[in-house]
N, C-alpha and C. Protein backbone atom coordinates (compact mmCIF):
# COMPACT_ATOMS: atom_id res chain seq x y z
N UNK A 1 114.56 53.16 121.56
CA UNK A 1 114.61 53.14 122.68
C UNK A 1 115.63 52.11 123.10
N UNK A 2 116.08 52.14 123.60
CA UNK A 2 117.25 51.22 123.81
C UNK A 2 116.68 49.52 124.16
N UNK A 3 117.86 48.98 123.90
CA UNK A 3 117.43 47.40 124.63
C UNK A 3 117.25 47.04 126.29
N UNK A 4 118.09 47.64 126.79
CA UNK A 4 117.86 47.16 128.44
C UNK A 4 116.37 47.86 128.79
N UNK A 5 115.90 49.09 128.12
CA UNK A 5 115.35 50.44 128.81
C UNK A 5 113.91 49.37 128.47
N UNK A 6 113.91 48.75 127.04
CA UNK A 6 113.02 48.31 126.33
C UNK A 6 112.31 46.88 127.84
N UNK A 7 113.61 46.44 127.84
CA UNK A 7 113.44 45.07 128.66
C UNK A 7 112.88 45.36 130.15
N UNK A 8 113.19 46.73 130.71
CA UNK A 8 112.49 46.75 132.16
C UNK A 8 111.42 47.15 131.99
N UNK A 9 110.89 48.33 130.62
CA UNK A 9 109.58 48.18 130.39
C UNK A 9 108.53 47.21 130.98
N UNK A 10 109.10 45.97 129.69
CA UNK A 10 107.99 45.09 129.40
C UNK A 10 107.92 43.83 130.87
N UNK A 11 108.90 43.80 131.79
CA UNK A 11 109.33 43.69 133.18
C UNK A 11 108.17 44.14 134.46
N UNK A 12 108.04 45.58 134.36
CA UNK A 12 107.09 46.17 134.39
C UNK A 12 105.62 45.61 134.30
N UNK A 13 105.62 45.54 132.47
CA UNK A 13 103.81 45.69 132.41
C UNK A 13 103.34 43.86 132.32
N UNK A 14 104.77 43.16 131.89
CA UNK A 14 104.14 41.43 131.65
C UNK A 14 103.55 40.68 132.14
N UNK A 15 103.61 41.43 133.61
CA UNK A 15 101.91 40.27 134.31
C UNK A 15 100.36 41.20 133.92
N UNK A 16 100.75 42.18 134.47
CA UNK A 16 99.27 42.44 134.34
C UNK A 16 98.52 42.58 132.25
N UNK A 17 99.00 42.25 131.51
CA UNK A 17 99.42 41.69 129.56
C UNK A 17 99.83 40.63 129.72
N UNK A 18 99.84 39.60 130.58
CA UNK A 18 99.42 38.28 130.25
C UNK A 18 98.29 37.84 131.13
N UNK A 19 98.02 38.72 132.86
CA UNK A 19 96.10 39.07 133.03
C UNK A 19 95.36 39.30 132.08
N UNK A 20 95.36 39.89 131.21
CA UNK A 20 94.15 40.59 130.42
C UNK A 20 94.18 40.24 129.39
N UNK A 21 95.44 39.41 128.52
CA UNK A 21 95.72 38.07 127.67
C UNK A 21 94.50 36.45 128.57
N UNK A 22 94.68 36.02 129.45
CA UNK A 22 94.34 35.15 130.14
C UNK A 22 92.89 35.27 130.25
N UNK A 23 92.11 36.52 130.11
CA UNK A 23 90.98 37.02 130.58
C UNK A 23 90.00 36.96 129.40
N UNK A 24 91.32 37.21 128.30
CA UNK A 24 90.06 37.86 126.77
C UNK A 24 90.64 36.35 126.30
N UNK A 25 91.14 35.29 126.86
CA UNK A 25 91.54 33.64 126.44
C UNK A 25 90.56 32.82 126.73
N UNK A 26 89.40 33.29 127.99
CA UNK A 26 89.13 32.64 128.34
C UNK A 26 89.52 31.47 129.60
N UNK A 27 90.07 32.37 130.38
CA UNK A 27 90.97 31.36 131.03
C UNK A 27 91.92 30.57 130.17
N UNK A 28 91.62 30.54 129.14
CA UNK A 28 92.53 29.25 127.82
C UNK A 28 94.42 29.77 128.60
N UNK A 29 95.32 29.36 129.23
CA UNK A 29 96.70 30.11 129.20
C UNK A 29 97.43 29.77 128.87
N UNK A 30 97.36 28.48 127.76
CA UNK A 30 98.16 28.38 126.90
C UNK A 30 98.56 29.16 125.36
N UNK A 31 97.28 29.34 125.15
CA UNK A 31 96.55 30.48 124.18
C UNK A 31 97.60 31.95 124.50
N UNK A 32 96.37 32.28 126.08
CA UNK A 32 97.50 33.66 126.33
C UNK A 32 98.47 33.88 126.37
N UNK A 33 99.36 32.82 126.59
CA UNK A 33 100.61 33.10 126.64
C UNK A 33 101.51 32.75 125.22
N UNK A 34 100.77 32.37 124.31
CA UNK A 34 101.03 32.20 122.73
C UNK A 34 101.11 33.41 122.06
N UNK A 35 99.73 34.56 123.20
CA UNK A 35 99.51 35.30 122.17
C UNK A 35 100.24 37.12 122.80
N UNK A 36 101.24 36.56 124.56
CA UNK A 36 101.52 37.02 124.94
C UNK A 36 103.25 37.42 124.56
N UNK A 37 103.77 36.29 124.14
CA UNK A 37 104.53 35.97 123.95
C UNK A 37 105.05 36.79 122.37
N UNK A 38 103.25 36.02 121.77
CA UNK A 38 103.91 37.23 120.36
C UNK A 38 103.94 38.48 120.40
N UNK A 39 102.93 38.91 121.58
CA UNK A 39 102.87 40.32 120.73
C UNK A 39 104.41 41.13 121.58
N UNK A 40 104.56 40.44 122.70
CA UNK A 40 106.03 40.77 123.09
C UNK A 40 107.28 41.27 121.89
N UNK A 41 107.06 39.93 122.08
CA UNK A 41 108.34 40.29 120.08
C UNK A 41 108.18 41.36 118.74
N UNK A 42 106.76 41.31 119.39
CA UNK A 42 106.16 42.44 118.32
C UNK A 42 106.47 43.64 118.45
N UNK A 43 106.23 43.88 120.24
CA UNK A 43 107.11 44.68 120.90
C UNK A 43 108.24 44.90 120.31
N UNK A 44 108.95 44.15 120.58
CA UNK A 44 110.93 44.50 120.26
C UNK A 44 110.88 44.75 119.09
N UNK A 45 110.70 43.84 117.95
CA UNK A 45 111.42 44.46 116.91
C UNK A 45 110.41 45.45 116.13
N UNK A 46 109.09 46.62 117.31
CA UNK A 46 108.61 47.69 116.05
C UNK A 46 108.91 48.70 117.99
N UNK A 47 110.49 48.79 118.64
CA UNK A 47 110.66 49.38 119.16
C UNK A 47 110.97 50.50 119.37
N UNK A 48 111.50 50.74 117.79
CA UNK A 48 112.58 52.11 117.09
C UNK A 48 111.21 52.64 117.02
N UNK A 49 109.78 52.49 116.85
CA UNK A 49 108.99 53.00 116.23
C UNK A 49 108.00 53.51 117.70
N UNK A 50 108.31 53.08 119.18
CA UNK A 50 107.70 53.96 119.80
C UNK A 50 108.31 55.12 120.45
N UNK A 51 107.25 55.99 120.39
CA UNK A 51 107.04 57.51 121.18
C UNK A 51 107.24 57.76 122.27
N UNK A 52 108.08 58.08 123.47
CA UNK A 52 108.66 58.30 124.03
C UNK A 52 107.78 59.24 124.96
N UNK A 53 107.38 59.91 124.07
CA UNK A 53 105.99 60.79 125.29
C UNK A 53 104.16 60.19 125.28
N UNK A 54 104.60 58.60 124.57
CA UNK A 54 102.98 57.88 124.89
C UNK A 54 103.57 57.16 125.41
N UNK A 55 102.15 56.52 126.15
CA UNK A 55 102.88 55.75 127.91
C UNK A 55 103.10 54.20 126.83
N UNK A 56 104.37 53.38 127.40
CA UNK A 56 104.54 52.65 126.95
C UNK A 56 103.67 51.51 126.72
N UNK A 57 102.67 51.05 128.31
CA UNK A 57 101.71 50.17 128.42
C UNK A 57 100.25 50.21 127.59
N UNK A 58 100.66 51.34 127.40
CA UNK A 58 99.36 51.94 125.90
C UNK A 58 99.96 50.85 125.17
N UNK A 59 101.10 51.77 124.22
CA UNK A 59 101.84 50.88 123.21
C UNK A 59 101.38 49.51 123.70
N UNK A 60 101.90 48.70 124.35
CA UNK A 60 101.81 47.61 124.53
C UNK A 60 101.16 46.81 124.20
N UNK A 61 99.75 47.48 125.33
CA UNK A 61 98.46 46.43 124.99
C UNK A 61 97.89 46.16 124.07
N UNK A 62 98.46 47.60 123.11
CA UNK A 62 97.46 47.70 121.45
C UNK A 62 98.37 46.76 121.00
N UNK A 63 99.27 46.66 121.23
CA UNK A 63 100.00 45.50 120.03
C UNK A 63 99.05 44.19 120.73
N UNK A 64 98.83 43.87 121.72
CA UNK A 64 98.45 42.67 122.09
C UNK A 64 97.08 42.56 121.80
N UNK A 65 96.55 43.44 121.74
CA UNK A 65 94.82 43.26 121.03
C UNK A 65 94.67 43.24 120.09
N UNK A 66 95.78 43.69 119.31
CA UNK A 66 96.05 43.43 117.81
C UNK A 66 96.02 42.12 118.00
N UNK A 67 97.11 41.97 118.41
CA UNK A 67 97.67 40.43 118.37
C UNK A 67 97.02 39.14 118.53
N UNK A 68 95.84 39.49 119.46
CA UNK A 68 94.47 39.04 119.97
C UNK A 68 93.68 38.57 119.01
N UNK A 69 93.71 39.60 118.13
CA UNK A 69 92.81 39.86 117.26
C UNK A 69 92.48 39.14 115.71
N UNK A 70 93.81 39.29 115.56
CA UNK A 70 93.94 38.52 114.23
C UNK A 70 94.64 36.57 114.56
N UNK A 71 94.49 36.65 115.86
CA UNK A 71 94.51 34.92 115.99
C UNK A 71 92.82 34.46 115.98
N UNK A 72 92.09 35.72 116.73
CA UNK A 72 90.51 35.04 116.34
C UNK A 72 89.90 35.18 115.19
N UNK A 73 90.46 35.90 114.16
CA UNK A 73 90.47 36.05 112.78
C UNK A 73 91.36 34.90 112.04
N UNK A 74 91.53 33.94 112.72
CA UNK A 74 92.85 33.41 111.15
C UNK A 74 92.53 32.01 112.08
N UNK A 75 91.47 31.59 113.26
CA UNK A 75 90.50 30.94 114.06
C UNK A 75 91.63 30.17 114.37
N UNK A 76 92.77 30.33 114.78
CA UNK A 76 94.15 29.74 115.71
C UNK A 76 93.29 29.88 116.87
N UNK A 77 93.16 28.54 117.43
CA UNK A 77 92.27 28.54 118.56
C UNK A 77 92.69 26.55 119.07
N UNK A 78 93.66 26.66 119.90
CA UNK A 78 94.04 25.30 120.67
C UNK A 78 93.32 24.63 122.02
N UNK A 79 91.97 25.01 121.43
CA UNK A 79 90.98 24.29 123.07
C UNK A 79 90.83 23.11 122.92
N UNK A 80 90.82 22.38 123.98
CA UNK A 80 91.27 21.32 124.50
C UNK A 80 89.85 20.54 124.68
N UNK A 81 89.27 19.22 123.89
CA UNK A 81 87.28 19.14 124.25
C UNK A 81 87.68 18.78 125.76
N UNK A 82 86.30 18.30 126.13
CA UNK A 82 86.16 17.81 127.46
C UNK A 82 86.54 16.91 127.85
N UNK A 83 86.37 15.63 127.03
CA UNK A 83 87.10 14.54 127.24
C UNK A 83 88.36 14.46 127.59
N UNK A 84 89.43 14.71 126.67
CA UNK A 84 90.75 15.06 126.95
C UNK A 84 91.27 15.92 128.51
N UNK A 85 89.98 16.92 128.50
CA UNK A 85 90.40 17.47 129.79
C UNK A 85 90.14 16.75 130.67
N UNK A 86 89.44 16.06 130.98
CA UNK A 86 88.98 14.62 131.73
C UNK A 86 90.30 14.04 131.92
N UNK A 87 91.15 13.67 131.42
CA UNK A 87 91.89 12.88 131.66
C UNK A 87 93.47 12.97 131.68
N UNK A 88 93.25 14.35 131.53
CA UNK A 88 95.19 15.19 132.16
C UNK A 88 95.22 15.50 133.60
N UNK A 89 96.24 15.18 134.20
CA UNK A 89 96.57 15.21 135.82
C UNK A 89 96.40 16.64 136.04
N UNK A 90 96.31 16.60 137.27
CA UNK A 90 95.54 18.08 137.63
C UNK A 90 96.62 18.10 139.47
N UNK A 91 97.59 19.31 139.45
CA UNK A 91 98.33 19.37 140.36
C UNK A 91 97.42 19.85 141.46
N UNK A 92 98.45 19.82 143.22
CA UNK A 92 97.88 20.82 143.97
C UNK A 92 97.40 22.29 143.59
N UNK A 93 97.80 22.53 142.70
CA UNK A 93 97.12 24.34 142.68
C UNK A 93 95.48 23.60 141.45
N UNK A 94 95.35 22.60 141.01
CA UNK A 94 94.08 22.15 140.15
C UNK A 94 92.83 22.87 140.64
N UNK A 95 92.57 22.86 141.51
CA UNK A 95 91.11 23.30 142.04
C UNK A 95 91.12 25.03 142.14
N UNK A 96 92.23 25.58 142.23
CA UNK A 96 92.51 26.94 142.04
C UNK A 96 91.76 27.65 140.89
N UNK A 97 92.44 27.10 139.80
CA UNK A 97 92.29 27.82 138.62
C UNK A 97 90.90 27.75 138.06
N UNK A 98 89.58 27.03 138.92
CA UNK A 98 88.83 27.10 138.88
C UNK A 98 87.88 28.14 139.97
N UNK A 99 88.48 28.74 140.30
CA UNK A 99 88.14 30.18 141.70
C UNK A 99 87.25 31.31 140.86
N UNK A 100 88.14 31.55 139.66
CA UNK A 100 87.31 32.28 138.58
C UNK A 100 86.71 31.94 137.67
N UNK A 101 86.22 30.91 137.63
CA UNK A 101 85.41 29.58 136.46
C UNK A 101 84.12 31.02 135.99
N UNK A 102 83.01 31.04 136.73
CA UNK A 102 82.45 31.11 136.98
C UNK A 102 82.30 33.04 136.45
N UNK A 103 82.71 33.39 136.61
CA UNK A 103 83.80 34.60 136.06
C UNK A 103 84.14 35.11 134.99
N UNK A 104 85.27 33.99 134.17
CA UNK A 104 85.12 33.96 133.28
C UNK A 104 84.21 33.87 131.97
N UNK A 105 83.63 32.74 132.66
CA UNK A 105 82.65 32.21 131.92
C UNK A 105 81.75 33.13 131.51
N UNK A 106 81.25 34.07 131.92
CA UNK A 106 80.57 35.39 132.18
C UNK A 106 80.79 36.45 131.23
N UNK A 107 81.99 36.58 131.14
CA UNK A 107 83.50 37.64 130.20
C UNK A 107 83.39 37.57 129.32
N UNK A 108 83.42 35.70 128.66
CA UNK A 108 83.19 35.07 127.64
C UNK A 108 82.16 35.53 127.21
N UNK A 109 80.63 35.40 127.25
CA UNK A 109 79.62 35.14 126.46
C UNK A 109 79.33 37.29 125.78
N UNK A 110 79.83 37.59 127.00
CA UNK A 110 80.45 39.03 126.27
C UNK A 110 81.12 38.93 124.98
N UNK A 111 80.30 40.16 124.11
CA UNK A 111 80.59 40.41 122.37
C UNK A 111 82.34 40.96 122.88
N UNK A 112 83.13 41.01 122.03
CA UNK A 112 84.67 41.10 122.08
C UNK A 112 85.08 42.67 122.11
N UNK A 113 84.34 43.41 121.74
CA UNK A 113 84.31 44.89 122.13
C UNK A 113 83.47 45.10 123.94
N UNK A 114 83.07 45.04 124.03
CA UNK A 114 82.59 44.73 125.71
C UNK A 114 83.56 44.12 126.03
N UNK A 115 84.01 42.95 125.94
CA UNK A 115 84.90 42.08 127.11
C UNK A 115 86.03 42.79 127.11
N UNK A 116 86.67 43.38 125.65
CA UNK A 116 87.74 44.27 125.92
C UNK A 116 88.17 45.08 127.11
N UNK A 117 86.86 46.64 126.38
CA UNK A 117 86.77 47.22 127.41
C UNK A 117 86.63 46.91 128.92
N UNK A 118 85.84 45.68 128.83
CA UNK A 118 85.59 45.93 131.01
C UNK A 118 87.04 44.97 131.04
N UNK A 119 87.64 44.25 130.96
CA UNK A 119 88.98 43.35 130.94
C UNK A 119 89.89 44.86 131.57
N UNK A 120 90.15 46.23 129.86
CA UNK A 120 91.24 47.00 130.03
C UNK A 120 90.60 47.92 132.03
N UNK A 121 89.11 48.25 131.95
CA UNK A 121 88.89 49.17 132.57
C UNK A 121 89.27 48.52 134.58
N UNK A 122 88.61 47.27 134.19
CA UNK A 122 88.09 46.63 135.38
C UNK A 122 89.77 45.78 135.66
N UNK A 123 90.41 45.47 135.45
CA UNK A 123 91.18 44.44 135.49
C UNK A 123 92.83 44.84 135.51
N UNK A 124 92.83 45.78 134.32
CA UNK A 124 94.25 46.42 134.12
C UNK A 124 93.99 47.38 134.06
N UNK A 125 93.01 48.67 134.56
CA UNK A 125 93.12 50.07 135.33
C UNK A 125 93.17 50.80 134.13
N UNK A 126 93.31 51.00 132.87
CA UNK A 126 93.29 51.82 132.32
C UNK A 126 91.47 52.85 132.46
N UNK A 127 92.01 53.66 131.17
CA UNK A 127 91.07 55.11 131.98
C UNK A 127 90.61 54.91 130.16
N UNK A 128 89.38 55.53 130.01
CA UNK A 128 88.41 55.49 129.20
C UNK A 128 89.30 55.57 127.91
N UNK A 129 89.98 56.98 127.89
CA UNK A 129 90.61 57.63 126.76
C UNK A 129 91.83 56.54 126.49
N UNK A 130 92.56 55.27 127.16
CA UNK A 130 93.50 54.62 126.81
C UNK A 130 92.75 53.23 126.57
N UNK A 131 91.91 53.11 127.14
CA UNK A 131 90.91 52.27 126.02
C UNK A 131 90.79 52.22 124.78
N UNK A 132 90.16 53.38 124.63
CA UNK A 132 89.57 54.18 123.40
C UNK A 132 91.23 54.36 122.38
N UNK A 133 92.73 54.24 122.60
CA UNK A 133 93.49 54.63 121.59
C UNK A 133 93.94 52.82 121.63
N UNK A 134 94.08 51.87 122.12
CA UNK A 134 94.13 50.68 122.05
C UNK A 134 93.41 49.80 121.79
N UNK A 135 92.16 49.97 121.78
CA UNK A 135 91.18 49.02 120.83
C UNK A 135 90.61 50.22 119.62
N UNK A 136 91.33 50.77 119.57
CA UNK A 136 91.07 51.84 118.26
C UNK A 136 89.68 52.38 118.19
N UNK A 137 88.74 52.50 118.99
CA UNK A 137 88.01 53.04 119.23
C UNK A 137 87.31 54.79 120.00
N UNK A 138 86.64 55.15 119.91
CA UNK A 138 86.41 56.64 120.34
C UNK A 138 85.48 56.19 121.95
N UNK A 139 85.90 57.87 123.05
CA UNK A 139 85.92 57.14 124.03
C UNK A 139 84.40 57.07 124.80
N UNK A 140 83.59 57.52 123.93
CA UNK A 140 82.13 57.55 123.61
C UNK A 140 81.98 55.86 123.30
N UNK A 141 82.13 55.10 122.17
CA UNK A 141 82.53 53.93 122.35
C UNK A 141 82.51 53.25 123.11
N UNK A 142 84.06 53.21 123.73
CA UNK A 142 84.23 52.87 125.18
C UNK A 142 83.34 52.82 126.72
N UNK A 143 82.57 54.00 126.67
CA UNK A 143 81.90 53.91 127.33
C UNK A 143 80.87 53.85 127.31
N UNK A 144 79.97 53.63 126.08
CA UNK A 144 78.84 52.14 126.44
C UNK A 144 79.35 51.29 126.21
N UNK A 145 80.37 50.69 125.71
CA UNK A 145 80.76 49.15 125.29
C UNK A 145 80.80 48.54 126.72
N UNK A 146 81.21 49.79 127.76
CA UNK A 146 81.52 49.54 129.48
C UNK A 146 80.03 49.12 129.99
N UNK A 147 79.23 50.20 129.74
CA UNK A 147 77.79 50.53 130.60
C UNK A 147 77.25 49.17 129.73
N UNK A 148 77.07 48.55 129.07
CA UNK A 148 76.49 47.69 128.32
C UNK A 148 77.10 46.40 129.02
N UNK A 149 78.36 46.17 128.99
CA UNK A 149 78.82 45.59 129.45
C UNK A 149 78.84 44.69 130.96
N UNK A 150 78.54 46.15 131.65
CA UNK A 150 78.30 45.79 133.08
C UNK A 150 76.94 45.12 133.48
N UNK A 151 75.98 45.57 132.70
CA UNK A 151 74.58 45.49 132.78
C UNK A 151 74.68 44.23 132.38
N UNK A 152 75.61 43.07 130.95
CA UNK A 152 75.21 41.47 130.84
C UNK A 152 75.68 41.11 132.09
N UNK A 153 76.73 41.55 132.41
CA UNK A 153 77.74 40.95 133.39
C UNK A 153 76.08 40.62 134.68
N UNK A 154 76.00 41.55 134.85
CA UNK A 154 75.40 41.79 135.93
C UNK A 154 74.28 41.07 135.86
N UNK A 155 74.02 40.34 134.68
CA UNK A 155 72.47 40.28 134.55
C UNK A 155 73.24 38.65 134.54
N UNK A 156 73.54 38.43 134.20
CA UNK A 156 74.51 36.81 134.27
C UNK A 156 75.00 36.61 135.66
N UNK A 157 75.30 37.14 136.27
CA UNK A 157 76.10 36.48 138.03
C UNK A 157 75.19 36.74 138.61
N UNK A 158 73.40 37.13 138.23
CA UNK A 158 72.57 36.96 139.58
C UNK A 158 71.92 36.09 139.40
N UNK A 159 71.87 35.43 137.71
CA UNK A 159 71.58 33.93 137.86
C UNK A 159 71.02 33.21 139.02
């Protein structure tokens, strides 16, 4: 793959990749941005191994998902404590950041595999087959994760 082709493909997928990671990181924009940048660098370094017959977005999301898992395993987390957050100045769009807070909190309570399946399917629009490739699971496992995740989210959001 040529550099220019890679840049064009990344440009097409960048927004949905960041949205997926933002939801995985439960709204922590700094963490999501760091993981997105790291994933894109990894993809650039590995672009020669990309097989053209594969779907680029699936390949990129798999790299991003694995990068997220690496960050989780390493204990890397830059969450700000609530006392410090209260002292941070808010911009004119600060209230907009809380628009989906209840949903982020509900998604945040799900186990990682269910959370990932829900986000990839409903937010990013991937098929069950593609999600299985991204997460390294079977299609049956993804269907079960989607089903369990929907039930849990419904219960949480109905309260």
